[in-house]
Amino acid sequence: MGRLGLVGCLIVLVIVALIFGGWYIGTRNHLVSLDEAVNAQWGQVQNDYQRRYDLIPNLVRTVQGYAAHERETLNEVVQARARVGQVNVPSGPPGTATDITSNPQALAQYEQAQAGLSNALSRLLVVVERYPDLKANQNFLELQSQLEGTENRIAVERKRYNDVAQTYNTAIKMFPANLVANMSGFKEKAYFKGAAGSEKAPEVNFNFGTTAPATGTR
């Protein structure tokens, strides 16, 4: 092979390397962008859970002022809130074992604690039915509005998280982007699973004054 042929081969190799390098960098940057979208949405989920967490002490104090003897139900809420605070939320670099969005077990534990708090709150709200004066309290009405809004936002942000996580997971599995994902350490994201029907926002309703008539009555 002559000198010109050797130079031609080198040029071709350089061009191929540049094309591959450009594709690799572009693909990796795209995956980084998707990964950051998941992390940002996870932050939104946490913000709304934290908002609910912060509302609870005032809610408990308000209910206690009118129904102090409902000690068991109030304690259940306090204890469920404490369990949420005790859950270890890994917050390491994205894609590592210490990143909760890439750790299905950690996310499931976090979700379980939040679900326990939701159940305890539901039981507390049933108790409210017995206390008309409490339901008319201005501070309670404000807490009602804030809690209803927060529960709705939690449901919405969890769904959005699952949506962006699905987009990301699809991207890192598709060929040939999966080659870049494997070489760069991009890990699959965990999903919020929830119970059947959890795609709907939970109904948090403090107004229990109207009940449906029993079946068969006239």
N, C-alpha and C. Protein backbone atom coordinates (compact mmCIF):
# COMPACT_ATOMS: atom_id res chain seq x y z
N MET A 1 0.85 -1.20 0.00
CA MET A 1 0.00 0.00 0.00
C MET A 1 0.88 1.24 0.00
N GLY A 2 0.63 2.12 -0.88
CA GLY A 2 1.43 3.32 -0.99
C GLY A 2 1.11 4.31 0.11
N ARG A 3 1.96 5.38 0.11
CA ARG A 3 1.77 6.41 1.13
C ARG A 3 0.41 7.05 1.04
N LEU A 4 -0.07 7.28 -0.18
CA LEU A 4 -1.39 7.91 -0.35
C LEU A 4 -2.50 7.02 0.19
N GLY A 5 -2.32 5.69 -0.05
CA GLY A 5 -3.32 4.76 0.45
C GLY A 5 -3.36 4.73 1.96
N LEU A 6 -2.19 4.82 2.59
CA LEU A 6 -2.11 4.82 4.04
C LEU A 6 -2.74 6.09 4.61
N VAL A 7 -2.45 7.20 3.97
CA VAL A 7 -3.03 8.47 4.41
C VAL A 7 -4.55 8.42 4.27
N GLY A 8 -5.02 7.82 3.15
CA GLY A 8 -6.46 7.71 2.94
C GLY A 8 -7.13 6.88 4.02
N CYS A 9 -6.48 5.78 4.43
CA CYS A 9 -7.03 4.93 5.49
C CYS A 9 -7.09 5.67 6.82
N LEU A 10 -6.02 6.43 7.10
CA LEU A 10 -5.99 7.20 8.34
C LEU A 10 -7.10 8.25 8.35
N ILE A 11 -7.32 8.87 7.22
CA ILE A 11 -8.38 9.88 7.13
C ILE A 11 -9.74 9.24 7.38
N VAL A 12 -9.95 8.06 6.77
CA VAL A 12 -11.22 7.35 6.97
C VAL A 12 -11.41 6.99 8.44
N LEU A 13 -10.32 6.50 9.08
CA LEU A 13 -10.41 6.14 10.49
C LEU A 13 -10.73 7.35 11.37
N VAL A 14 -10.09 8.47 11.02
CA VAL A 14 -10.35 9.69 11.79
C VAL A 14 -11.80 10.12 11.62
N ILE A 15 -12.31 10.04 10.40
CA ILE A 15 -13.69 10.43 10.14
C ILE A 15 -14.66 9.52 10.91
N VAL A 16 -14.38 8.20 10.86
CA VAL A 16 -15.22 7.24 11.59
C VAL A 16 -15.19 7.53 13.09
N ALA A 17 -13.97 7.81 13.61
CA ALA A 17 -13.83 8.11 15.03
C ALA A 17 -14.60 9.37 15.41
N LEU A 18 -14.53 10.38 14.53
CA LEU A 18 -15.25 11.62 14.80
C LEU A 18 -16.75 11.41 14.78
N ILE A 19 -17.21 10.61 13.81
CA ILE A 19 -18.65 10.33 13.73
C ILE A 19 -19.11 9.57 14.96
N PHE A 20 -18.33 8.52 15.33
CA PHE A 20 -18.69 7.73 16.50
C PHE A 20 -18.65 8.58 17.77
N GLY A 21 -17.58 9.39 17.88
CA GLY A 21 -17.44 10.24 19.06
C GLY A 21 -18.59 11.23 19.17
N GLY A 22 -18.97 11.82 18.03
CA GLY A 22 -20.08 12.76 18.04
C GLY A 22 -21.38 12.08 18.42
N TRP A 23 -21.59 10.88 17.88
CA TRP A 23 -22.81 10.13 18.22
C TRP A 23 -22.81 9.77 19.70
N TYR A 24 -21.68 9.30 20.20
CA TYR A 24 -21.59 8.89 21.60
C TYR A 24 -21.87 10.06 22.54
N ILE A 25 -21.23 11.19 22.26
CA ILE A 25 -21.42 12.37 23.11
C ILE A 25 -22.87 12.85 23.05
N GLY A 26 -23.44 12.88 21.84
CA GLY A 26 -24.81 13.33 21.69
C GLY A 26 -25.79 12.42 22.42
N THR A 27 -25.58 11.11 22.29
CA THR A 27 -26.46 10.15 22.95
C THR A 27 -26.32 10.23 24.46
N ARG A 28 -25.08 10.34 24.92
CA ARG A 28 -24.87 10.43 26.37
C ARG A 28 -25.50 11.71 26.94
N ASN A 29 -25.34 12.80 26.24
CA ASN A 29 -25.94 14.05 26.71
C ASN A 29 -27.46 13.95 26.77
N HIS A 30 -28.04 13.24 25.79
CA HIS A 30 -29.49 13.05 25.80
C HIS A 30 -29.93 12.23 27.00
N LEU A 31 -29.18 11.17 27.31
CA LEU A 31 -29.51 10.34 28.48
C LEU A 31 -29.34 11.12 29.78
N VAL A 32 -28.31 11.96 29.83
CA VAL A 32 -28.12 12.81 31.01
C VAL A 32 -29.31 13.74 31.18
N SER A 33 -29.79 14.30 30.08
CA SER A 33 -30.95 15.19 30.14
C SER A 33 -32.19 14.45 30.66
N LEU A 34 -32.41 13.23 30.19
CA LEU A 34 -33.55 12.43 30.67
C LEU A 34 -33.39 12.07 32.14
N ASP A 35 -32.17 11.75 32.53
CA ASP A 35 -31.89 11.41 33.92
C ASP A 35 -32.17 12.60 34.84
N GLU A 36 -31.75 13.79 34.41
CA GLU A 36 -31.99 14.99 35.21
C GLU A 36 -33.49 15.30 35.31
N ALA A 37 -34.24 14.99 34.24
CA ALA A 37 -35.69 15.20 34.28
C ALA A 37 -36.33 14.31 35.36
N VAL A 38 -35.85 13.07 35.46
CA VAL A 38 -36.36 12.15 36.49
C VAL A 38 -36.00 12.69 37.88
N ASN A 39 -34.76 13.13 38.04
CA ASN A 39 -34.33 13.63 39.34
C ASN A 39 -35.11 14.88 39.75
N ALA A 40 -35.37 15.75 38.78
CA ALA A 40 -36.13 16.96 39.07
C ALA A 40 -37.56 16.62 39.47
N GLN A 41 -38.16 15.65 38.78
CA GLN A 41 -39.52 15.26 39.11
C GLN A 41 -39.58 14.54 40.45
N TRP A 42 -38.57 13.78 40.77
CA TRP A 42 -38.51 13.16 42.09
C TRP A 42 -38.48 14.24 43.18
N GLY A 43 -37.76 15.32 42.91
CA GLY A 43 -37.73 16.43 43.85
C GLY A 43 -39.11 17.03 44.07
N GLN A 44 -39.92 17.08 43.01
CA GLN A 44 -41.29 17.59 43.15
C GLN A 44 -42.14 16.67 44.02
N VAL A 45 -41.97 15.36 43.83
CA VAL A 45 -42.70 14.40 44.67
C VAL A 45 -42.33 14.59 46.14
N GLN A 46 -41.05 14.71 46.41
CA GLN A 46 -40.59 14.89 47.78
C GLN A 46 -41.11 16.19 48.38
N ASN A 47 -41.14 17.25 47.58
CA ASN A 47 -41.63 18.54 48.07
C ASN A 47 -43.07 18.44 48.55
N ASP A 48 -43.90 17.74 47.79
CA ASP A 48 -45.31 17.64 48.17
C ASP A 48 -45.51 16.71 49.36
N TYR A 49 -44.74 15.64 49.43
CA TYR A 49 -44.81 14.80 50.62
C TYR A 49 -44.35 15.59 51.85
N GLN A 50 -43.31 16.40 51.68
CA GLN A 50 -42.83 17.21 52.80
C GLN A 50 -43.88 18.23 53.23
N ARG A 51 -44.58 18.78 52.27
CA ARG A 51 -45.65 19.74 52.58
C ARG A 51 -46.72 19.07 53.44
N ARG A 52 -47.12 17.86 53.07
CA ARG A 52 -48.10 17.14 53.87
C ARG A 52 -47.54 16.84 55.26
N TYR A 53 -46.30 16.40 55.30
CA TYR A 53 -45.62 16.09 56.56
C TYR A 53 -45.64 17.30 57.50
N ASP A 54 -45.42 18.49 56.95
CA ASP A 54 -45.38 19.71 57.75
C ASP A 54 -46.77 20.16 58.22
N LEU A 55 -47.81 19.79 57.47
CA LEU A 55 -49.16 20.18 57.85
C LEU A 55 -49.69 19.38 59.06
N ILE A 56 -49.19 18.18 59.25
CA ILE A 56 -49.80 17.26 60.21
C ILE A 56 -49.76 17.75 61.66
N PRO A 57 -48.65 18.28 62.16
CA PRO A 57 -48.67 18.72 63.57
C PRO A 57 -49.78 19.72 63.87
N ASN A 58 -49.97 20.69 62.98
CA ASN A 58 -51.04 21.67 63.19
C ASN A 58 -52.41 21.01 63.11
N LEU A 59 -52.56 20.06 62.19
CA LEU A 59 -53.82 19.33 62.07
C LEU A 59 -54.13 18.56 63.35
N VAL A 60 -53.14 17.85 63.87
CA VAL A 60 -53.32 17.07 65.09
C VAL A 60 -53.67 17.98 66.26
N ARG A 61 -52.97 19.10 66.39
CA ARG A 61 -53.26 20.02 67.50
C ARG A 61 -54.68 20.57 67.40
N THR A 62 -55.11 20.89 66.17
CA THR A 62 -56.45 21.43 65.99
C THR A 62 -57.52 20.40 66.35
N VAL A 63 -57.36 19.18 65.87
CA VAL A 63 -58.32 18.13 66.20
C VAL A 63 -58.30 17.84 67.70
N GLN A 64 -57.12 17.83 68.28
CA GLN A 64 -56.98 17.53 69.70
C GLN A 64 -57.72 18.56 70.55
N GLY A 65 -57.78 19.80 70.08
CA GLY A 65 -58.47 20.83 70.82
C GLY A 65 -59.96 20.58 70.95
N TYR A 66 -60.52 19.81 70.03
CA TYR A 66 -61.96 19.52 70.05
C TYR A 66 -62.24 18.06 70.40
N ALA A 67 -61.24 17.21 70.23
CA ALA A 67 -61.48 15.77 70.43
C ALA A 67 -60.27 15.14 71.10
N ALA A 68 -59.89 15.67 72.25
CA ALA A 68 -58.68 15.20 72.93
C ALA A 68 -58.77 13.73 73.30
N HIS A 69 -60.00 13.23 73.55
CA HIS A 69 -60.14 11.84 73.98
C HIS A 69 -60.00 10.84 72.82
N GLU A 70 -59.88 11.34 71.59
CA GLU A 70 -59.63 10.45 70.44
C GLU A 70 -58.14 10.14 70.37
N ARG A 71 -57.60 9.77 71.51
CA ARG A 71 -56.15 9.64 71.65
C ARG A 71 -55.56 8.58 70.73
N GLU A 72 -56.22 7.46 70.62
CA GLU A 72 -55.67 6.36 69.81
C GLU A 72 -55.51 6.78 68.35
N THR A 73 -56.55 7.40 67.80
CA THR A 73 -56.49 7.82 66.39
C THR A 73 -55.43 8.89 66.19
N LEU A 74 -55.35 9.83 67.11
CA LEU A 74 -54.35 10.89 67.00
C LEU A 74 -52.94 10.31 67.11
N ASN A 75 -52.75 9.36 68.01
CA ASN A 75 -51.43 8.73 68.16
C ASN A 75 -51.03 7.97 66.90
N GLU A 76 -51.99 7.35 66.24
CA GLU A 76 -51.70 6.62 65.00
C GLU A 76 -51.12 7.57 63.95
N VAL A 77 -51.71 8.77 63.85
CA VAL A 77 -51.21 9.75 62.89
C VAL A 77 -49.81 10.19 63.26
N VAL A 78 -49.61 10.49 64.54
CA VAL A 78 -48.29 10.94 65.01
C VAL A 78 -47.23 9.87 64.76
N GLN A 79 -47.57 8.63 65.06
CA GLN A 79 -46.61 7.54 64.88
C GLN A 79 -46.32 7.28 63.40
N ALA A 80 -47.38 7.37 62.57
CA ALA A 80 -47.18 7.17 61.12
C ALA A 80 -46.29 8.27 60.56
N ARG A 81 -46.49 9.48 61.04
CA ARG A 81 -45.63 10.60 60.61
C ARG A 81 -44.19 10.36 61.04
N ALA A 82 -44.01 9.85 62.26
CA ALA A 82 -42.66 9.57 62.75
C ALA A 82 -41.98 8.50 61.89
N ARG A 83 -42.75 7.49 61.46
CA ARG A 83 -42.16 6.44 60.62
C ARG A 83 -41.72 7.00 59.28
N VAL A 84 -42.48 7.94 58.75
CA VAL A 84 -42.07 8.59 57.50
C VAL A 84 -40.74 9.31 57.71
N GLY A 85 -40.62 10.00 58.84
CA GLY A 85 -39.39 10.73 59.12
C GLY A 85 -38.19 9.83 59.34
N GLN A 86 -38.45 8.57 59.72
CA GLN A 86 -37.35 7.64 60.00
C GLN A 86 -36.88 6.88 58.77
N VAL A 87 -37.64 6.97 57.68
CA VAL A 87 -37.24 6.25 56.47
C VAL A 87 -35.97 6.88 55.90
N ASN A 88 -35.00 6.04 55.65
CA ASN A 88 -33.76 6.51 55.05
C ASN A 88 -33.96 6.69 53.56
N VAL A 89 -33.81 7.92 53.09
CA VAL A 89 -33.96 8.22 51.67
C VAL A 89 -32.58 8.39 51.05
N PRO A 90 -32.04 7.36 50.36
CA PRO A 90 -30.72 7.49 49.75
C PRO A 90 -30.69 8.65 48.78
N SER A 91 -29.62 9.41 48.83
CA SER A 91 -29.53 10.59 47.96
C SER A 91 -28.15 10.71 47.34
N GLY A 92 -27.60 9.57 46.94
CA GLY A 92 -26.29 9.58 46.32
C GLY A 92 -26.36 10.02 44.87
N PRO A 93 -25.23 9.96 44.18
CA PRO A 93 -25.19 10.36 42.76
C PRO A 93 -26.18 9.56 41.93
N PRO A 94 -26.85 10.18 40.96
CA PRO A 94 -27.82 9.47 40.11
C PRO A 94 -27.21 8.21 39.50
N GLY A 95 -27.99 7.15 39.52
CA GLY A 95 -27.56 5.90 38.90
C GLY A 95 -26.80 4.98 39.83
N THR A 96 -26.42 5.45 41.02
CA THR A 96 -25.68 4.61 41.96
C THR A 96 -26.65 3.89 42.89
N ALA A 97 -26.12 2.96 43.67
CA ALA A 97 -26.96 2.19 44.58
C ALA A 97 -27.53 3.06 45.70
N THR A 98 -26.91 4.23 45.93
CA THR A 98 -27.40 5.13 46.98
C THR A 98 -28.39 6.14 46.45
N ASP A 99 -28.79 6.01 45.20
CA ASP A 99 -29.80 6.89 44.61
C ASP A 99 -31.14 6.18 44.68
N ILE A 100 -32.09 6.77 45.41
CA ILE A 100 -33.37 6.08 45.66
C ILE A 100 -34.13 5.82 44.37
N THR A 101 -34.01 6.68 43.37
CA THR A 101 -34.76 6.47 42.13
C THR A 101 -34.25 5.26 41.35
N SER A 102 -33.05 4.79 41.68
CA SER A 102 -32.51 3.60 41.03
C SER A 102 -32.51 2.40 41.97
N ASN A 103 -33.22 2.52 43.08
CA ASN A 103 -33.24 1.47 44.10
C ASN A 103 -34.69 1.09 44.39
N PRO A 104 -35.22 0.07 43.71
CA PRO A 104 -36.64 -0.29 43.90
C PRO A 104 -37.00 -0.61 45.34
N GLN A 105 -36.10 -1.25 46.09
CA GLN A 105 -36.39 -1.60 47.48
C GLN A 105 -36.53 -0.35 48.34
N ALA A 106 -35.62 0.59 48.16
CA ALA A 106 -35.66 1.84 48.95
C ALA A 106 -36.91 2.64 48.60
N LEU A 107 -37.25 2.70 47.32
CA LEU A 107 -38.44 3.46 46.91
C LEU A 107 -39.71 2.79 47.45
N ALA A 108 -39.74 1.46 47.45
CA ALA A 108 -40.90 0.74 47.98
C ALA A 108 -41.06 0.99 49.47
N GLN A 109 -39.96 1.03 50.20
CA GLN A 109 -40.01 1.31 51.64
C GLN A 109 -40.52 2.73 51.88
N TYR A 110 -40.04 3.65 51.09
CA TYR A 110 -40.48 5.05 51.20
C TYR A 110 -41.98 5.15 50.92
N GLU A 111 -42.42 4.48 49.86
CA GLU A 111 -43.83 4.51 49.48
C GLU A 111 -44.71 3.85 50.54
N GLN A 112 -44.22 2.78 51.13
CA GLN A 112 -44.99 2.08 52.17
C GLN A 112 -45.20 2.97 53.38
N ALA A 113 -44.17 3.70 53.78
CA ALA A 113 -44.31 4.60 54.93
C ALA A 113 -45.29 5.72 54.62
N GLN A 114 -45.23 6.26 53.40
CA GLN A 114 -46.16 7.32 53.02
C GLN A 114 -47.60 6.80 52.97
N ALA A 115 -47.77 5.56 52.50
CA ALA A 115 -49.11 4.97 52.45
C ALA A 115 -49.65 4.77 53.86
N GLY A 116 -48.78 4.39 54.81
CA GLY A 116 -49.21 4.24 56.19
C GLY A 116 -49.70 5.55 56.77
N LEU A 117 -49.02 6.63 56.41
CA LEU A 117 -49.46 7.94 56.87
C LEU A 117 -50.79 8.32 56.23
N SER A 118 -50.96 8.02 54.96
CA SER A 118 -52.24 8.30 54.28
C SER A 118 -53.38 7.56 54.96
N ASN A 119 -53.16 6.30 55.33
CA ASN A 119 -54.22 5.51 55.99
C ASN A 119 -54.56 6.08 57.36
N ALA A 120 -53.52 6.49 58.11
CA ALA A 120 -53.77 7.06 59.43
C ALA A 120 -54.55 8.37 59.32
N LEU A 121 -54.21 9.18 58.33
CA LEU A 121 -54.95 10.43 58.11
C LEU A 121 -56.40 10.15 57.75
N SER A 122 -56.63 9.14 56.93
CA SER A 122 -58.01 8.79 56.55
C SER A 122 -58.83 8.42 57.77
N ARG A 123 -58.24 7.66 58.68
CA ARG A 123 -58.96 7.28 59.90
C ARG A 123 -59.24 8.50 60.78
N LEU A 124 -58.30 9.42 60.80
CA LEU A 124 -58.51 10.64 61.58
C LEU A 124 -59.66 11.46 61.01
N LEU A 125 -59.74 11.52 59.70
CA LEU A 125 -60.78 12.32 59.07
C LEU A 125 -62.17 11.73 59.30
N VAL A 126 -62.24 10.44 59.46
CA VAL A 126 -63.52 9.82 59.79
C VAL A 126 -63.99 10.27 61.18
N VAL A 127 -63.04 10.41 62.09
CA VAL A 127 -63.35 10.86 63.44
C VAL A 127 -63.96 12.26 63.43
N VAL A 128 -63.51 13.09 62.49
CA VAL A 128 -63.96 14.48 62.42
C VAL A 128 -65.47 14.59 62.26
N GLU A 129 -66.08 13.58 61.68
CA GLU A 129 -67.53 13.59 61.44
C GLU A 129 -68.31 13.80 62.73
N ARG A 130 -67.75 13.37 63.84
CA ARG A 130 -68.47 13.43 65.11
C ARG A 130 -68.44 14.82 65.76
N TYR A 131 -67.70 15.76 65.16
CA TYR A 131 -67.47 17.04 65.83
C TYR A 131 -67.81 18.21 64.90
N PRO A 132 -69.07 18.61 64.87
CA PRO A 132 -69.50 19.72 64.00
C PRO A 132 -68.76 21.02 64.28
N ASP A 133 -68.48 21.29 65.56
CA ASP A 133 -67.77 22.52 65.89
C ASP A 133 -66.37 22.53 65.30
N LEU A 134 -65.73 21.37 65.28
CA LEU A 134 -64.40 21.26 64.69
C LEU A 134 -64.45 21.52 63.20
N LYS A 135 -65.45 20.96 62.52
CA LYS A 135 -65.57 21.14 61.08
C LYS A 135 -65.85 22.59 60.69
N ALA A 136 -66.35 23.38 61.65
CA ALA A 136 -66.64 24.79 61.38
C ALA A 136 -65.49 25.70 61.80
N ASN A 137 -64.46 25.13 62.43
CA ASN A 137 -63.33 25.92 62.89
C ASN A 137 -62.54 26.47 61.70
N GLN A 138 -62.21 27.78 61.74
CA GLN A 138 -61.56 28.42 60.60
C GLN A 138 -60.18 27.84 60.33
N ASN A 139 -59.43 27.58 61.38
CA ASN A 139 -58.11 26.99 61.21
C ASN A 139 -58.22 25.61 60.58
N PHE A 140 -59.22 24.84 61.01
CA PHE A 140 -59.43 23.51 60.46
C PHE A 140 -59.81 23.59 58.98
N LEU A 141 -60.67 24.56 58.64
CA LEU A 141 -61.07 24.73 57.24
C LEU A 141 -59.87 25.06 56.36
N GLU A 142 -58.95 25.87 56.89
CA GLU A 142 -57.75 26.19 56.13
C GLU A 142 -56.87 24.96 55.95
N LEU A 143 -56.75 24.18 57.01
CA LEU A 143 -55.98 22.94 56.92
C LEU A 143 -56.63 21.97 55.93
N GLN A 144 -57.95 21.94 55.93
CA GLN A 144 -58.69 21.09 54.98
C GLN A 144 -58.30 21.44 53.56
N SER A 145 -58.34 22.73 53.26
CA SER A 145 -58.04 23.17 51.90
C SER A 145 -56.60 22.82 51.52
N GLN A 146 -55.68 23.05 52.44
CA GLN A 146 -54.27 22.78 52.14
C GLN A 146 -54.01 21.28 51.98
N LEU A 147 -54.64 20.48 52.83
CA LEU A 147 -54.42 19.03 52.75
C LEU A 147 -55.03 18.44 51.49
N GLU A 148 -56.22 18.89 51.13
CA GLU A 148 -56.84 18.43 49.88
C GLU A 148 -55.96 18.76 48.69
N GLY A 149 -55.47 20.00 48.65
CA GLY A 149 -54.61 20.40 47.54
C GLY A 149 -53.32 19.62 47.50
N THR A 150 -52.76 19.35 48.67
CA THR A 150 -51.50 18.60 48.73
C THR A 150 -51.68 17.16 48.28
N GLU A 151 -52.76 16.52 48.70
CA GLU A 151 -53.01 15.14 48.28
C GLU A 151 -53.17 15.06 46.76
N ASN A 152 -53.85 16.03 46.19
CA ASN A 152 -53.99 16.06 44.74
C ASN A 152 -52.65 16.24 44.04
N ARG A 153 -51.83 17.15 44.59
CA ARG A 153 -50.51 17.38 43.98
C ARG A 153 -49.62 16.15 44.09
N ILE A 154 -49.71 15.44 45.23
CA ILE A 154 -48.92 14.22 45.38
C ILE A 154 -49.27 13.22 44.29
N ALA A 155 -50.56 13.01 44.07
CA ALA A 155 -51.00 12.06 43.04
C ALA A 155 -50.51 12.48 41.66
N VAL A 156 -50.62 13.77 41.37
CA VAL A 156 -50.20 14.28 40.06
C VAL A 156 -48.69 14.13 39.87
N GLU A 157 -47.92 14.53 40.89
CA GLU A 157 -46.46 14.49 40.76
C GLU A 157 -45.93 13.06 40.72
N ARG A 158 -46.58 12.14 41.42
CA ARG A 158 -46.18 10.73 41.32
C ARG A 158 -46.39 10.20 39.91
N LYS A 159 -47.52 10.55 39.31
CA LYS A 159 -47.79 10.11 37.94
C LYS A 159 -46.76 10.71 36.98
N ARG A 160 -46.46 11.98 37.16
CA ARG A 160 -45.46 12.62 36.29
C ARG A 160 -44.09 11.98 36.47
N TYR A 161 -43.77 11.62 37.70
CA TYR A 161 -42.50 10.93 37.94
C TYR A 161 -42.46 9.62 37.17
N ASN A 162 -43.53 8.82 37.28
CA ASN A 162 -43.57 7.55 36.55
C ASN A 162 -43.45 7.77 35.04
N ASP A 163 -44.05 8.84 34.54
CA ASP A 163 -44.00 9.12 33.10
C ASP A 163 -42.57 9.42 32.64
N VAL A 164 -41.87 10.30 33.39
CA VAL A 164 -40.50 10.65 32.97
C VAL A 164 -39.55 9.48 33.21
N ALA A 165 -39.83 8.67 34.26
CA ALA A 165 -39.01 7.49 34.50
C ALA A 165 -39.18 6.48 33.37
N GLN A 166 -40.41 6.34 32.87
CA GLN A 166 -40.65 5.42 31.75
C GLN A 166 -39.93 5.88 30.49
N THR A 167 -39.95 7.18 30.23
CA THR A 167 -39.24 7.72 29.07
C THR A 167 -37.75 7.44 29.17
N TYR A 168 -37.21 7.67 30.35
CA TYR A 168 -35.79 7.41 30.59
C TYR A 168 -35.46 5.93 30.44
N ASN A 169 -36.26 5.07 31.09
CA ASN A 169 -36.00 3.62 31.05
C ASN A 169 -36.07 3.08 29.62
N THR A 170 -37.02 3.60 28.86
CA THR A 170 -37.12 3.18 27.46
C THR A 170 -35.88 3.57 26.69
N ALA A 171 -35.40 4.79 26.92
CA ALA A 171 -34.23 5.30 26.19
C ALA A 171 -32.98 4.49 26.47
N ILE A 172 -32.76 4.09 27.73
CA ILE A 172 -31.51 3.39 28.05
C ILE A 172 -31.55 1.92 27.62
N LYS A 173 -32.74 1.43 27.24
CA LYS A 173 -32.85 0.03 26.81
C LYS A 173 -32.83 -0.14 25.30
N MET A 174 -33.07 0.94 24.58
CA MET A 174 -33.17 0.84 23.12
C MET A 174 -31.78 0.82 22.48
N PHE A 175 -31.62 -0.03 21.49
CA PHE A 175 -30.37 -0.12 20.75
C PHE A 175 -30.32 1.01 19.71
N PRO A 176 -29.18 1.67 19.52
CA PRO A 176 -27.87 1.41 20.14
C PRO A 176 -27.58 2.27 21.37
N ALA A 177 -28.57 3.07 21.82
CA ALA A 177 -28.34 3.92 23.00
C ALA A 177 -28.01 3.09 24.23
N ASN A 178 -28.49 1.84 24.28
CA ASN A 178 -28.20 1.00 25.44
C ASN A 178 -26.70 0.73 25.58
N LEU A 179 -25.96 0.78 24.48
CA LEU A 179 -24.51 0.61 24.54
C LEU A 179 -23.88 1.75 25.33
N VAL A 180 -24.33 2.96 25.05
CA VAL A 180 -23.84 4.14 25.76
C VAL A 180 -24.26 4.08 27.22
N ALA A 181 -25.51 3.68 27.45
CA ALA A 181 -26.02 3.60 28.82
C ALA A 181 -25.20 2.62 29.65
N ASN A 182 -24.90 1.47 29.08
CA ASN A 182 -24.13 0.46 29.81
C ASN A 182 -22.71 0.94 30.08
N MET A 183 -22.09 1.58 29.09
CA MET A 183 -20.72 2.06 29.25
C MET A 183 -20.64 3.22 30.24
N SER A 184 -21.72 3.99 30.35
CA SER A 184 -21.70 5.19 31.19
C SER A 184 -22.35 4.97 32.55
N GLY A 185 -22.88 3.77 32.80
CA GLY A 185 -23.42 3.46 34.11
C GLY A 185 -24.82 3.98 34.38
N PHE A 186 -25.62 4.22 33.35
CA PHE A 186 -27.00 4.64 33.56
C PHE A 186 -27.83 3.44 34.02
N LYS A 187 -28.51 3.59 35.16
CA LYS A 187 -29.29 2.51 35.74
C LYS A 187 -30.79 2.75 35.54
N GLU A 188 -31.54 1.65 35.49
CA GLU A 188 -32.99 1.75 35.34
C GLU A 188 -33.61 2.43 36.56
N LYS A 189 -34.63 3.24 36.33
CA LYS A 189 -35.32 3.94 37.41
C LYS A 189 -36.47 3.09 37.95
N ALA A 190 -36.69 3.19 39.25
CA ALA A 190 -37.81 2.50 39.89
C ALA A 190 -39.08 3.32 39.73
N TYR A 191 -40.21 2.64 39.80
CA TYR A 191 -41.51 3.29 39.66
C TYR A 191 -42.26 3.30 40.99
N PHE A 192 -43.14 4.29 41.15
CA PHE A 192 -44.15 4.21 42.19
C PHE A 192 -45.19 3.20 41.69
N LYS A 193 -45.47 2.20 42.48
CA LYS A 193 -46.43 1.18 42.06
C LYS A 193 -47.81 1.48 42.60
N GLY A 194 -47.95 1.53 43.93
CA GLY A 194 -49.24 1.88 44.51
C GLY A 194 -50.25 0.76 44.36
N ALA A 195 -51.36 0.95 45.04
CA ALA A 195 -52.45 -0.02 44.97
C ALA A 195 -53.32 0.25 43.76
N ALA A 196 -54.20 -0.69 43.44
CA ALA A 196 -55.12 -0.51 42.32
C ALA A 196 -55.96 0.74 42.56
N GLY A 197 -56.07 1.56 41.53
CA GLY A 197 -56.85 2.78 41.64
C GLY A 197 -56.05 3.96 42.14
N SER A 198 -54.76 3.76 42.44
CA SER A 198 -53.96 4.84 42.99
C SER A 198 -53.61 5.90 41.96
N GLU A 199 -53.98 5.64 40.68
CA GLU A 199 -53.74 6.68 39.68
C GLU A 199 -54.66 7.86 39.88
N LYS A 200 -55.71 7.67 40.70
CA LYS A 200 -56.63 8.76 41.01
C LYS A 200 -56.20 9.42 42.32
N ALA A 201 -56.37 10.72 42.40
CA ALA A 201 -56.04 11.42 43.64
C ALA A 201 -56.96 10.95 44.74
N PRO A 202 -56.41 10.67 45.94
CA PRO A 202 -57.27 10.24 47.04
C PRO A 202 -58.23 11.35 47.44
N GLU A 203 -59.45 10.98 47.79
CA GLU A 203 -60.44 11.97 48.17
C GLU A 203 -60.29 12.27 49.65
N VAL A 204 -59.92 13.50 49.95
CA VAL A 204 -59.79 13.94 51.33
C VAL A 204 -60.93 14.91 51.57
N ASN A 205 -61.97 14.43 52.20
CA ASN A 205 -63.19 15.23 52.35
C ASN A 205 -63.57 15.29 53.83
N PHE A 206 -63.58 16.51 54.36
CA PHE A 206 -63.91 16.70 55.75
C PHE A 206 -65.42 16.91 55.94
N ASN A 207 -66.16 17.00 54.86
CA ASN A 207 -67.59 17.30 54.96
C ASN A 207 -68.39 16.01 54.92
N PHE A 208 -68.69 15.49 56.07
CA PHE A 208 -69.36 14.19 56.16
C PHE A 208 -70.86 14.33 56.46
N GLY A 209 -71.39 15.53 56.32
CA GLY A 209 -72.76 15.76 56.75
C GLY A 209 -73.80 15.05 55.92
N THR A 210 -73.49 14.72 54.65
CA THR A 210 -74.49 14.10 53.77
C THR A 210 -74.12 12.65 53.55
N THR A 211 -75.04 11.77 53.80
CA THR A 211 -74.82 10.34 53.58
C THR A 211 -75.87 9.80 52.65
N ALA A 212 -75.50 8.80 51.87
CA ALA A 212 -76.44 8.23 50.92
C ALA A 212 -77.48 7.41 51.65
N PRO A 213 -78.74 7.40 51.19
CA PRO A 213 -79.77 6.59 51.84
C PRO A 213 -79.45 5.11 51.71
N ALA A 214 -79.86 4.36 52.71
CA ALA A 214 -79.59 2.91 52.68
C ALA A 214 -80.41 2.26 51.57
N THR A 215 -79.84 1.19 51.01
CA THR A 215 -80.52 0.47 49.93
C THR A 215 -81.83 -0.11 50.41
N GLY A 216 -82.87 0.09 49.64
CA GLY A 216 -84.17 -0.50 49.96
C GLY A 216 -85.05 0.41 50.76
N THR A 217 -84.58 1.59 51.19
CA THR A 217 -85.42 2.51 51.94
C THR A 217 -86.16 3.41 51.00
N ARG A 218 -87.22 3.98 51.46
CA ARG A 218 -88.04 4.87 50.64
C ARG A 218 -88.18 6.22 51.34
